[in-house]
C-alpha cells in the first residue's frame, strides 16, 4: 500500500464557496477510484500549509491510473484555489511495515 499526500494553502481572497464545491466534487470522484483504500483530509491547526489530503492506494499502479486520468482535471482546477502545492508519495517502512496500535485492554500488547 502507498500513501499520497497533497499539502497546500488557499490563495488570499479565494472564494470559499467555490473551493468547497470543488472539494466535494473531488472527494466524490476520488472515493470511486479503483484501488483506493482511504481518503483523509485535514486542516493544519498551527498554520501553513493550511490543508493536507492523504489518499491510500493498494498499489502505485492504482494511483498512477488515477493520476493520469481523473486527477488531471481536478488538479488543474485545484490550482485555481491553491498555492504552495506539494505532493509526496510514501511507501511502507522496511522496519515497521504495518501500523502499531496500543492494546485496547491496557495489557502489554503483542
PDB file of N, CA and C in Angstrom:
ATOM      1  N   UNK A   1       0.842  -1.174   0.000  1.00  0.00           N
ATOM      2  CA  UNK A   1       0.000   0.000   0.000  1.00  0.00           C
ATOM      3  C   UNK A   1       0.891   1.242   0.000  1.00  0.00           C
ATOM      4  N   UNK A   2       0.415   2.286  -0.665  1.00  0.00           N
ATOM      5  CA  UNK A   2       1.125   3.564  -0.680  1.00  0.00           C
ATOM      6  C   UNK A   2       0.192   4.673  -0.213  1.00  0.00           C
ATOM      7  N   UNK A   3       0.796   5.753   0.256  1.00  0.00           N
ATOM      8  CA  UNK A   3       0.053   6.947   0.636  1.00  0.00           C
ATOM      9  C   UNK A   3       0.552   8.115  -0.199  1.00  0.00           C
ATOM     10  N   UNK A   4      -0.383   8.888  -0.705  1.00  0.00           N
ATOM     11  CA  UNK A   4      -0.048  10.091  -1.457  1.00  0.00           C
ATOM     12  C   UNK A   4      -0.620  11.273  -0.688  1.00  0.00           C
ATOM     13  N   UNK A   5       0.267  12.196  -0.326  1.00  0.00           N
ATOM     14  CA  UNK A   5      -0.126  13.355   0.470  1.00  0.00           C
ATOM     15  C   UNK A   5       0.020  14.611  -0.364  1.00  0.00           C
ATOM     16  N   UNK A   6      -1.029  15.406  -0.374  1.00  0.00           N
ATOM     17  CA  UNK A   6      -1.011  16.725  -1.014  1.00  0.00           C
ATOM     18  C   UNK A   6      -1.159  17.758   0.091  1.00  0.00           C
ATOM     19  N   UNK A   7      -0.298  18.765   0.088  1.00  0.00           N
ATOM     20  CA  UNK A   7      -0.446  19.880   1.015  1.00  0.00           C
ATOM     21  C   UNK A   7      -0.480  21.171   0.216  1.00  0.00           C
ATOM     22  N   UNK A   8      -1.235  22.139   0.738  1.00  0.00           N
ATOM     23  CA  UNK A   8      -1.325  23.419   0.055  1.00  0.00           C
ATOM     24  C   UNK A   8      -1.967  24.462   0.960  1.00  0.00           C
ATOM     25  N   UNK A   9      -1.841  25.698   0.531  1.00  0.00           N
ATOM     26  CA  UNK A   9      -2.515  26.835   1.153  1.00  0.00           C
ATOM     27  C   UNK A   9      -3.559  27.341   0.167  1.00  0.00           C
ATOM     28  N   UNK A  10      -4.590  27.976   0.689  1.00  0.00           N
ATOM     29  CA  UNK A  10      -5.554  28.635  -0.183  1.00  0.00           C
ATOM     30  C   UNK A  10      -5.028  30.013  -0.547  1.00  0.00           C
ATOM     31  N   UNK A  11      -5.276  30.410  -1.776  1.00  0.00           N
ATOM     32  CA  UNK A  11      -4.841  31.724  -2.227  1.00  0.00           C
ATOM     33  C   UNK A  11      -5.597  32.805  -1.464  1.00  0.00           C
ATOM     34  N   UNK A  12      -4.939  33.921  -1.182  1.00  0.00           N
ATOM     35  CA  UNK A  12      -5.631  35.025  -0.497  1.00  0.00           C
ATOM     36  C   UNK A  12      -6.874  35.451  -1.288  1.00  0.00           C
ATOM     37  N   UNK A  13      -7.971  35.663  -0.584  1.00  0.00           N
ATOM     38  CA  UNK A  13      -9.198  36.126  -1.228  1.00  0.00           C
ATOM     39  C   UNK A  13      -9.946  35.063  -2.000  1.00  0.00           C
ATOM     40  N   UNK A  14      -9.580  33.795  -1.839  1.00  0.00           N
ATOM     41  CA  UNK A  14     -10.236  32.734  -2.588  1.00  0.00           C
ATOM     42  C   UNK A  14     -11.728  32.683  -2.236  1.00  0.00           C
ATOM     43  N   UNK A  15     -12.540  32.332  -3.203  1.00  0.00           N
ATOM     44  CA  UNK A  15     -13.970  32.157  -2.978  1.00  0.00           C
ATOM     45  C   UNK A  15     -14.162  30.815  -2.273  1.00  0.00           C
ATOM     46  N   UNK A  16     -14.449  30.859  -0.976  1.00  0.00           N
ATOM     47  CA  UNK A  16     -14.529  29.630  -0.175  1.00  0.00           C
ATOM     48  C   UNK A  16     -15.693  28.738  -0.585  1.00  0.00           C
ATOM     49  N   UNK A  17     -16.788  29.324  -1.055  1.00  0.00           N
ATOM     50  CA  UNK A  17     -17.913  28.501  -1.519  1.00  0.00           C
ATOM     51  C   UNK A  17     -17.527  27.714  -2.766  1.00  0.00           C
ATOM     52  N   UNK A  18     -16.830  28.354  -3.682  1.00  0.00           N
ATOM     53  CA  UNK A  18     -16.380  27.662  -4.895  1.00  0.00           C
ATOM     54  C   UNK A  18     -15.369  26.572  -4.559  1.00  0.00           C
ATOM     55  N   UNK A  19     -14.470  26.881  -3.632  1.00  0.00           N
ATOM     56  CA  UNK A  19     -13.493  25.877  -3.215  1.00  0.00           C
ATOM     57  C   UNK A  19     -14.194  24.685  -2.562  1.00  0.00           C
ATOM     58  N   UNK A  20     -15.160  24.951  -1.689  1.00  0.00           N
ATOM     59  CA  UNK A  20     -15.893  23.861  -1.025  1.00  0.00           C
ATOM     60  C   UNK A  20     -16.628  23.003  -2.045  1.00  0.00           C
ATOM     61  N   UNK A  21     -17.188  23.625  -3.061  1.00  0.00           N
ATOM     62  CA  UNK A  21     -17.864  22.879  -4.130  1.00  0.00           C
ATOM     63  C   UNK A  21     -16.862  21.990  -4.866  1.00  0.00           C
ATOM     64  N   UNK A  22     -15.691  22.546  -5.181  1.00  0.00           N
ATOM     65  CA  UNK A  22     -14.651  21.742  -5.827  1.00  0.00           C
ATOM     66  C   UNK A  22     -14.243  20.571  -4.925  1.00  0.00           C
ATOM     67  N   UNK A  23     -14.062  20.828  -3.630  1.00  0.00           N
ATOM     68  CA  UNK A  23     -13.626  19.782  -2.700  1.00  0.00           C
ATOM     69  C   UNK A  23     -14.647  18.656  -2.632  1.00  0.00           C
ATOM     70  N   UNK A  24     -15.920  18.980  -2.584  1.00  0.00           N
ATOM     71  CA  UNK A  24     -16.957  17.927  -2.566  1.00  0.00           C
ATOM     72  C   UNK A  24     -16.917  17.106  -3.849  1.00  0.00           C
ATOM     73  N   UNK A  25     -16.802  17.793  -4.986  1.00  0.00           N
ATOM     74  CA  UNK A  25     -16.745  17.097  -6.274  1.00  0.00           C
ATOM     75  C   UNK A  25     -15.508  16.211  -6.351  1.00  0.00           C
ATOM     76  N   UNK A  26     -14.383  16.726  -5.889  1.00  0.00           N
ATOM     77  CA  UNK A  26     -13.143  15.950  -5.918  1.00  0.00           C
ATOM     78  C   UNK A  26     -13.256  14.719  -5.030  1.00  0.00           C
ATOM     79  N   UNK A  27     -13.790  14.883  -3.822  1.00  0.00           N
ATOM     80  CA  UNK A  27     -13.932  13.746  -2.903  1.00  0.00           C
ATOM     81  C   UNK A  27     -14.836  12.674  -3.495  1.00  0.00           C
ATOM     82  N   UNK A  28     -15.939  13.073  -4.101  1.00  0.00           N
ATOM     83  CA  UNK A  28     -16.848  12.107  -4.729  1.00  0.00           C
ATOM     84  C   UNK A  28     -16.142  11.320  -5.829  1.00  0.00           C
ATOM     85  N   UNK A  29     -15.336  12.007  -6.614  1.00  0.00           N
ATOM     86  CA  UNK A  29     -14.605  11.351  -7.698  1.00  0.00           C
ATOM     87  C   UNK A  29     -13.538  10.408  -7.140  1.00  0.00           C
ATOM     88  N   UNK A  30     -12.795  10.875  -6.159  1.00  0.00           N
ATOM     89  CA  UNK A  30     -11.692  10.082  -5.607  1.00  0.00           C
ATOM     90  C   UNK A  30     -12.187   8.797  -4.978  1.00  0.00           C
ATOM     91  N   UNK A  31     -13.262   8.860  -4.188  1.00  0.00           N
ATOM     92  CA  UNK A  31     -13.719   7.646  -3.493  1.00  0.00           C
ATOM     93  C   UNK A  31     -14.265   6.589  -4.446  1.00  0.00           C
ATOM     94  N   UNK A  32     -14.502   6.934  -5.681  1.00  0.00           N
ATOM     95  CA  UNK A  32     -14.985   5.977  -6.672  1.00  0.00           C
ATOM     96  C   UNK A  32     -13.855   5.290  -7.443  1.00  0.00           C
ATOM     97  N   UNK A  33     -12.603   5.659  -7.171  1.00  0.00           N
ATOM     98  CA  UNK A  33     -11.481   5.154  -7.962  1.00  0.00           C
ATOM     99  C   UNK A  33     -11.084   3.737  -7.554  1.00  0.00           C
ATOM    100  N   UNK A  34     -10.875   2.863  -8.537  1.00  0.00           N
ATOM    101  CA  UNK A  34     -10.396   1.511  -8.234  1.00  0.00           C
ATOM    102  C   UNK A  34      -9.045   1.569  -7.521  1.00  0.00           C
ATOM    103  N   UNK A  35      -8.905   0.765  -6.489  1.00  0.00           N
ATOM    104  CA  UNK A  35      -7.643   0.691  -5.764  1.00  0.00           C
ATOM    105  C   UNK A  35      -7.529   1.642  -4.602  1.00  0.00           C
ATOM    106  N   UNK A  36      -8.479   2.573  -4.457  1.00  0.00           N
ATOM    107  CA  UNK A  36      -8.430   3.491  -3.318  1.00  0.00           C
ATOM    108  C   UNK A  36      -8.803   2.735  -2.045  1.00  0.00           C
ATOM    109  N   UNK A  37      -8.002   2.908  -1.019  1.00  0.00           N
ATOM    110  CA  UNK A  37      -8.275   2.311   0.289  1.00  0.00           C
ATOM    111  C   UNK A  37      -8.923   3.335   1.207  1.00  0.00           C
ATOM    112  N   UNK A  38      -8.433   4.588   1.136  1.00  0.00           N
ATOM    113  CA  UNK A  38      -8.899   5.599   2.081  1.00  0.00           C
ATOM    114  C   UNK A  38      -8.542   6.992   1.586  1.00  0.00           C
ATOM    115  N   UNK A  39      -9.405   7.944   1.907  1.00  0.00           N
ATOM    116  CA  UNK A  39      -9.150   9.370   1.675  1.00  0.00           C
ATOM    117  C   UNK A  39      -9.328  10.077   3.010  1.00  0.00           C
ATOM    118  N   UNK A  40      -8.320  10.864   3.403  1.00  0.00           N
ATOM    119  CA  UNK A  40      -8.397  11.682   4.618  1.00  0.00           C
ATOM    120  C   UNK A  40      -8.093  13.135   4.250  1.00  0.00           C
ATOM    121  N   UNK A  41      -8.769  14.052   4.922  1.00  0.00           N
ATOM    122  CA  UNK A  41      -8.499  15.482   4.733  1.00  0.00           C
ATOM    123  C   UNK A  41      -8.318  16.100   6.109  1.00  0.00           C
ATOM    124  N   UNK A  42      -7.306  16.969   6.221  1.00  0.00           N
ATOM    125  CA  UNK A  42      -7.008  17.613   7.490  1.00  0.00           C
ATOM    126  C   UNK A  42      -6.718  19.083   7.264  1.00  0.00           C
ATOM    127  N   UNK A  43      -6.947  19.870   8.333  1.00  0.00           N
ATOM    128  CA  UNK A  43      -6.528  21.269   8.332  1.00  0.00           C
ATOM    129  C   UNK A  43      -5.409  21.402   9.355  1.00  0.00           C
ATOM    130  N   UNK A  44      -4.481  22.254   9.066  1.00  0.00           N
ATOM    131  CA  UNK A  44      -3.340  22.471   9.957  1.00  0.00           C
ATOM    132  C   UNK A  44      -3.769  23.460  11.038  1.00  0.00           C
ATOM    133  N   UNK A  45      -3.764  23.018  12.255  1.00  0.00           N
ATOM    134  CA  UNK A  45      -4.201  23.868  13.366  1.00  0.00           C
ATOM    135  C   UNK A  45      -3.130  24.866  13.787  1.00  0.00           C
ATOM    136  N   UNK A  46      -1.921  24.748  13.216  1.00  0.00           N
ATOM    137  CA  UNK A  46      -0.817  25.638  13.594  1.00  0.00           C
ATOM    138  C   UNK A  46      -0.370  26.579  12.487  1.00  0.00           C
ATOM    139  N   UNK A  47      -1.013  26.562  11.328  1.00  0.00           N
ATOM    140  CA  UNK A  47      -0.607  27.493  10.276  1.00  0.00           C
ATOM    141  C   UNK A  47      -0.505  26.864   8.913  1.00  0.00           C
ATOM    142  N   UNK A  48       0.666  26.982   8.313  1.00  0.00           N
ATOM    143  CA  UNK A  48       0.858  26.548   6.926  1.00  0.00           C
ATOM    144  C   UNK A  48       1.684  25.266   6.876  1.00  0.00           C
ATOM    145  N   UNK A  49       1.432  24.427   5.895  1.00  0.00           N
ATOM    146  CA  UNK A  49       0.358  24.547   4.915  1.00  0.00           C
ATOM    147  C   UNK A  49      -1.001  24.387   5.595  1.00  0.00           C
ATOM    148  N   UNK A  50      -2.012  24.997   4.998  1.00  0.00           N
ATOM    149  CA  UNK A  50      -3.329  25.003   5.613  1.00  0.00           C
ATOM    150  C   UNK A  50      -4.056  23.672   5.476  1.00  0.00           C
ATOM    151  N   UNK A  51      -3.827  22.972   4.369  1.00  0.00           N
ATOM    152  CA  UNK A  51      -4.627  21.792   4.037  1.00  0.00           C
ATOM    153  C   UNK A  51      -3.714  20.632   3.676  1.00  0.00           C
ATOM    154  N   UNK A  52      -4.109  19.449   4.154  1.00  0.00           N
ATOM    155  CA  UNK A  52      -3.419  18.208   3.778  1.00  0.00           C
ATOM    156  C   UNK A  52      -4.479  17.178   3.448  1.00  0.00           C
ATOM    157  N   UNK A  53      -4.319  16.557   2.296  1.00  0.00           N
ATOM    158  CA  UNK A  53      -5.147  15.392   1.974  1.00  0.00           C
ATOM    159  C   UNK A  53      -4.224  14.207   1.793  1.00  0.00           C
ATOM    160  N   UNK A  54      -4.688  13.061   2.242  1.00  0.00           N
ATOM    161  CA  UNK A  54      -3.924  11.831   2.100  1.00  0.00           C
ATOM    162  C   UNK A  54      -4.830  10.776   1.499  1.00  0.00           C
ATOM    163  N   UNK A  55      -4.359  10.174   0.419  1.00  0.00           N
ATOM    164  CA  UNK A  55      -5.061   9.040  -0.158  1.00  0.00           C
ATOM    165  C   UNK A  55      -4.179   7.811  -0.009  1.00  0.00           C
ATOM    166  N   UNK A  56      -4.791   6.704   0.351  1.00  0.00           N
ATOM    167  CA  UNK A  56      -4.087   5.427   0.461  1.00  0.00           C
ATOM    168  C   UNK A  56      -4.566   4.546  -0.688  1.00  0.00           C
ATOM    169  N   UNK A  57      -3.604   3.922  -1.353  1.00  0.00           N
ATOM    170  CA  UNK A  57      -3.884   3.115  -2.545  1.00  0.00           C
ATOM    171  C   UNK A  57      -3.296   1.723  -2.367  1.00  0.00           C
ATOM    172  N   UNK A  58      -3.954   0.732  -2.960  1.00  0.00           N
ATOM    173  CA  UNK A  58      -3.432  -0.647  -2.898  1.00  0.00           C
ATOM    174  C   UNK A  58      -2.079  -0.753  -3.572  1.00  0.00           C
ATOM    175  N   UNK A  59      -1.865   0.022  -4.647  1.00  0.00           N
ATOM    176  CA  UNK A  59      -0.604  -0.085  -5.393  1.00  0.00           C
ATOM    177  C   UNK A  59      -0.287   1.229  -6.093  1.00  0.00           C
ATOM    178  N   UNK A  60       0.970   1.351  -6.518  1.00  0.00           N
ATOM    179  CA  UNK A  60       1.355   2.531  -7.294  1.00  0.00           C
ATOM    180  C   UNK A  60       0.644   2.549  -8.644  1.00  0.00           C
ATOM    181  N   UNK A  61       0.333   1.391  -9.173  1.00  0.00           N
ATOM    182  CA  UNK A  61      -0.392   1.331 -10.449  1.00  0.00           C
ATOM    183  C   UNK A  61      -1.789   1.930 -10.290  1.00  0.00           C
ATOM    184  N   UNK A  62      -2.470   1.608  -9.174  1.00  0.00           N
ATOM    185  CA  UNK A  62      -3.800   2.190  -8.938  1.00  0.00           C
ATOM    186  C   UNK A  62      -3.721   3.702  -8.864  1.00  0.00           C
ATOM    187  N   UNK A  63      -2.712   4.200  -8.119  1.00  0.00           N
ATOM    188  CA  UNK A  63      -2.576   5.647  -8.006  1.00  0.00           C
ATOM    189  C   UNK A  63      -2.231   6.268  -9.360  1.00  0.00           C
ATOM    190  N   UNK A  64      -1.318   5.659 -10.100  1.00  0.00           N
ATOM    191  CA  UNK A  64      -0.902   6.205 -11.396  1.00  0.00           C
ATOM    192  C   UNK A  64      -2.076   6.262 -12.371  1.00  0.00           C
ATOM    193  N   UNK A  65      -2.928   5.259 -12.333  1.00  0.00           N
ATOM    194  CA  UNK A  65      -4.117   5.254 -13.194  1.00  0.00           C
ATOM    195  C   UNK A  65      -5.011   6.446 -12.863  1.00  0.00           C
ATOM    196  N   UNK A  66      -5.192   6.699 -11.576  1.00  0.00           N
ATOM    197  CA  UNK A  66      -5.977   7.858 -11.141  1.00  0.00           C
ATOM    198  C   UNK A  66      -5.279   9.167 -11.525  1.00  0.00           C
ATOM    199  N   UNK A  67      -3.977   9.246 -11.247  1.00  0.00           N
ATOM    200  CA  UNK A  67      -3.223  10.477 -11.504  1.00  0.00           C
ATOM    201  C   UNK A  67      -3.218  10.833 -12.985  1.00  0.00           C
ATOM    202  N   UNK A  68      -3.152   9.835 -13.845  1.00  0.00           N
ATOM    203  CA  UNK A  68      -3.133  10.084 -15.286  1.00  0.00           C
ATOM    204  C   UNK A  68      -4.533  10.227 -15.872  1.00  0.00           C
ATOM    205  N   UNK A  69      -5.547   9.987 -15.050  1.00  0.00           N
ATOM    206  CA  UNK A  69      -6.927  10.076 -15.511  1.00  0.00           C
ATOM    207  C   UNK A  69      -7.666  11.222 -14.840  1.00  0.00           C
ATOM    208  N   UNK A  70      -8.609  10.888 -13.941  1.00  0.00           N
ATOM    209  CA  UNK A  70      -9.458  11.923 -13.335  1.00  0.00           C
ATOM    210  C   UNK A  70      -8.706  13.016 -12.588  1.00  0.00           C
ATOM    211  N   UNK A  71      -7.544  12.698 -12.017  1.00  0.00           N
ATOM    212  CA  UNK A  71      -6.843  13.701 -11.213  1.00  0.00           C
ATOM    213  C   UNK A  71      -6.334  14.869 -12.050  1.00  0.00           C
ATOM    214  N   UNK A  72      -6.048  14.654 -13.310  1.00  0.00           N
ATOM    215  CA  UNK A  72      -5.509  15.739 -14.148  1.00  0.00           C
ATOM    216  C   UNK A  72      -6.425  16.969 -14.134  1.00  0.00           C
ATOM    217  N   UNK A  73      -7.702  16.755 -14.387  1.00  0.00           N
ATOM    218  CA  UNK A  73      -8.646  17.884 -14.415  1.00  0.00           C
ATOM    219  C   UNK A  73      -8.882  18.433 -13.014  1.00  0.00           C
ATOM    220  N   UNK A  74      -8.981  17.552 -12.023  1.00  0.00           N
ATOM    221  CA  UNK A  74      -9.193  18.004 -10.650  1.00  0.00           C
ATOM    222  C   UNK A  74      -8.024  18.847 -10.156  1.00  0.00           C
ATOM    223  N   UNK A  75      -6.809  18.405 -10.445  1.00  0.00           N
ATOM    224  CA  UNK A  75      -5.632  19.160 -10.007  1.00  0.00           C
ATOM    225  C   UNK A  75      -5.565  20.518 -10.702  1.00  0.00           C
ATOM    226  N   UNK A  76      -5.869  20.539 -11.969  1.00  0.00           N
ATOM    227  CA  UNK A  76      -5.849  21.809 -12.706  1.00  0.00           C
ATOM    228  C   UNK A  76      -6.808  22.810 -12.070  1.00  0.00           C
ATOM    229  N   UNK A  77      -8.003  22.341 -11.706  1.00  0.00           N
ATOM    230  CA  UNK A  77      -8.977  23.219 -11.068  1.00  0.00           C
ATOM    231  C   UNK A  77      -8.525  23.603  -9.653  1.00  0.00           C
ATOM    232  N   UNK A  78      -7.940  22.660  -8.902  1.00  0.00           N
ATOM    233  CA  UNK A  78      -7.434  22.955  -7.565  1.00  0.00           C
ATOM    234  C   UNK A  78      -6.434  24.102  -7.604  1.00  0.00           C
ATOM    235  N   UNK A  79      -5.603  24.121  -8.610  1.00  0.00           N
ATOM    236  CA  UNK A  79      -4.565  25.149  -8.689  1.00  0.00           C
ATOM    237  C   UNK A  79      -5.126  26.559  -8.884  1.00  0.00           C
ATOM    238  N   UNK A  80      -6.422  26.667  -9.214  1.00  0.00           N
ATOM    239  CA  UNK A  80      -7.043  27.997  -9.259  1.00  0.00           C
ATOM    240  C   UNK A  80      -7.375  28.500  -7.853  1.00  0.00           C
ATOM    241  N   UNK A  81      -7.415  27.584  -6.875  1.00  0.00           N
ATOM    242  CA  UNK A  81      -7.704  27.937  -5.480  1.00  0.00           C
ATOM    243  C   UNK A  81      -6.457  27.901  -4.594  1.00  0.00           C
ATOM    244  N   UNK A  82      -5.470  27.118  -4.984  1.00  0.00           N
ATOM    245  CA  UNK A  82      -4.368  26.769  -4.088  1.00  0.00           C
ATOM    246  C   UNK A  82      -3.044  27.388  -4.517  1.00  0.00           C
ATOM    247  N   UNK A  83      -2.176  27.524  -3.529  1.00  0.00           N
ATOM    248  CA  UNK A  83      -0.797  27.935  -3.752  1.00  0.00           C
ATOM    249  C   UNK A  83       0.088  27.058  -2.872  1.00  0.00           C
ATOM    250  N   UNK A  84       1.372  27.036  -3.145  1.00  0.00           N
ATOM    251  CA  UNK A  84       2.326  26.213  -2.381  1.00  0.00           C
ATOM    252  C   UNK A  84       1.939  24.736  -2.397  1.00  0.00           C
ATOM    253  N   UNK A  85       1.488  24.266  -3.544  1.00  0.00           N
ATOM    254  CA  UNK A  85       1.031  22.892  -3.703  1.00  0.00           C
ATOM    255  C   UNK A  85       2.224  21.935  -3.698  1.00  0.00           C
ATOM    256  N   UNK A  86       2.137  20.895  -2.892  1.00  0.00           N
ATOM    257  CA  UNK A  86       3.223  19.923  -2.773  1.00  0.00           C
ATOM    258  C   UNK A  86       2.634  18.508  -2.728  1.00  0.00           C
ATOM    259  N   UNK A  87       3.300  17.572  -3.400  1.00  0.00           N
ATOM    260  CA  UNK A  87       2.863  16.178  -3.426  1.00  0.00           C
ATOM    261  C   UNK A  87       3.986  15.310  -2.876  1.00  0.00           C
ATOM    262  N   UNK A  88       3.630  14.365  -2.027  1.00  0.00           N
ATOM    263  CA  UNK A  88       4.585  13.368  -1.526  1.00  0.00           C
ATOM    264  C   UNK A  88       3.960  11.985  -1.672  1.00  0.00           C
ATOM    265  N   UNK A  89       4.782  11.011  -2.030  1.00  0.00           N
ATOM    266  CA  UNK A  89       4.325   9.627  -2.127  1.00  0.00           C
ATOM    267  C   UNK A  89       5.124   8.798  -1.133  1.00  0.00           C
ATOM    268  N   UNK A  90       4.422   8.072  -0.275  1.00  0.00           N
ATOM    269  CA  UNK A  90       5.049   7.303   0.799  1.00  0.00           C
ATOM    270  C   UNK A  90       4.713   5.820   0.659  1.00  0.00           C
ATOM    271  N   UNK A  91       5.714   4.985   0.876  1.00  0.00           N
ATOM    272  CA  UNK A  91       5.538   3.539   0.910  1.00  0.00           C
ATOM    273  C   UNK A  91       5.795   3.033   2.318  1.00  0.00           C
ATOM    274  N   UNK A  92       5.583   1.749   2.542  1.00  0.00           N
ATOM    275  CA  UNK A  92       5.776   1.202   3.884  1.00  0.00           C
ATOM    276  C   UNK A  92       7.241   1.227   4.313  1.00  0.00           C
ATOM    277  N   UNK A  93       7.453   1.373   5.606  1.00  0.00           N
ATOM    278  CA  UNK A  93       8.794   1.348   6.176  1.00  0.00           C
ATOM    279  C   UNK A  93       9.308  -0.085   6.198  1.00  0.00           C
ATOM    280  N   UNK A  94      10.569  -0.303   5.851  1.00  0.00           N
ATOM    281  CA  UNK A  94      11.107  -1.662   5.950  1.00  0.00           C
ATOM    282  C   UNK A  94      11.243  -2.116   7.409  1.00  0.00           C
ATOM    283  N   UNK A  95      11.298  -1.164   8.352  1.00  0.00           N
ATOM    284  CA  UNK A  95      11.435  -1.520   9.761  1.00  0.00           C
ATOM    285  C   UNK A  95      10.090  -1.727  10.462  1.00  0.00           C
ATOM    286  N   UNK A  96       9.096  -0.946  10.084  1.00  0.00           N
ATOM    287  CA  UNK A  96       7.746  -1.074  10.642  1.00  0.00           C
ATOM    288  C   UNK A  96       6.739  -1.040   9.494  1.00  0.00           C
ATOM    289  N   UNK A  97       6.601  -2.147   8.756  1.00  0.00           N
ATOM    290  CA  UNK A  97       5.762  -2.124   7.559  1.00  0.00           C
ATOM    291  C   UNK A  97       4.261  -2.060   7.830  1.00  0.00           C
ATOM    292  N   UNK A  98       3.828  -2.367   9.057  1.00  0.00           N
ATOM    293  CA  UNK A  98       2.409  -2.290   9.398  1.00  0.00           C
ATOM    294  C   UNK A  98       2.241  -1.392  10.617  1.00  0.00           C
ATOM    295  N   UNK A  99       1.077  -0.781  10.761  1.00  0.00           N
ATOM    296  CA  UNK A  99       0.850   0.122  11.897  1.00  0.00           C
ATOM    297  C   UNK A  99       0.921  -0.622  13.231  1.00  0.00           C
ATOM    298  N   UNK A 100       1.416   0.063  14.233  1.00  0.00           N
ATOM    299  CA  UNK A 100       1.403  -0.436  15.604  1.00  0.00           C
ATOM    300  C   UNK A 100       0.311   0.323  16.354  1.00  0.00           C
ATOM    301  N   UNK A 101      -0.462  -0.408  17.146  1.00  0.00           N
ATOM    302  CA  UNK A 101      -1.544   0.217  17.910  1.00  0.00           C
ATOM    303  C   UNK A 101      -1.480  -0.282  19.348  1.00  0.00           C
ATOM    304  N   UNK A 102      -1.870   0.577  20.271  1.00  0.00           N
ATOM    305  CA  UNK A 102      -1.863   0.134  21.672  1.00  0.00           C
ATOM    306  C   UNK A 102      -2.894  -0.972  21.894  1.00  0.00           C
ATOM    307  N   UNK A 103      -2.638  -1.806  22.876  1.00  0.00           N
ATOM    308  CA  UNK A 103      -3.548  -2.859  23.250  1.00  0.00           C
ATOM    309  C   UNK A 103      -4.761  -2.202  23.917  1.00  0.00           C
ATOM    310  N   UNK A 104      -5.988  -2.392  23.360  1.00  0.00           N
ATOM    311  CA  UNK A 104      -7.158  -1.715  23.926  1.00  0.00           C
ATOM    312  C   UNK A 104      -7.507  -2.202  25.336  1.00  0.00           C
ATOM    313  N   UNK A 105      -6.967  -3.357  25.744  1.00  0.00           N
ATOM    314  CA  UNK A 105      -7.248  -3.862  27.085  1.00  0.00           C
ATOM    315  C   UNK A 105      -6.289  -3.298  28.120  1.00  0.00           C
ATOM    316  N   UNK A 106      -5.275  -2.575  27.650  1.00  0.00           N
ATOM    317  CA  UNK A 106      -4.290  -2.000  28.568  1.00  0.00           C
ATOM    318  C   UNK A 106      -3.173  -2.937  28.917  1.00  0.00           C
ATOM    319  N   UNK A 107      -3.157  -4.111  28.293  1.00  0.00           N
ATOM    320  CA  UNK A 107      -2.100  -5.082  28.551  1.00  0.00           C
ATOM    321  C   UNK A 107      -0.810  -4.707  27.850  1.00  0.00           C
ATOM    322  N   UNK A 108       0.130  -5.584  27.903  1.00  0.00           N
ATOM    323  CA  UNK A 108       1.455  -5.345  27.322  1.00  0.00           C
ATOM    324  C   UNK A 108       1.434  -5.350  25.807  1.00  0.00           C
ATOM    325  N   UNK A 109       0.377  -5.859  25.191  1.00  0.00           N
ATOM    326  CA  UNK A 109       0.328  -5.908  23.733  1.00  0.00           C
ATOM    327  C   UNK A 109       0.994  -7.137  23.191  1.00  0.00           C
ATOM    328  N   UNK A 110       0.964  -7.256  21.872  1.00  0.00           N
ATOM    329  CA  UNK A 110       1.535  -8.453  21.227  1.00  0.00           C
ATOM    330  C   UNK A 110       2.968  -8.234  20.853  1.00  0.00           C
TER     331      UNK A 110
END
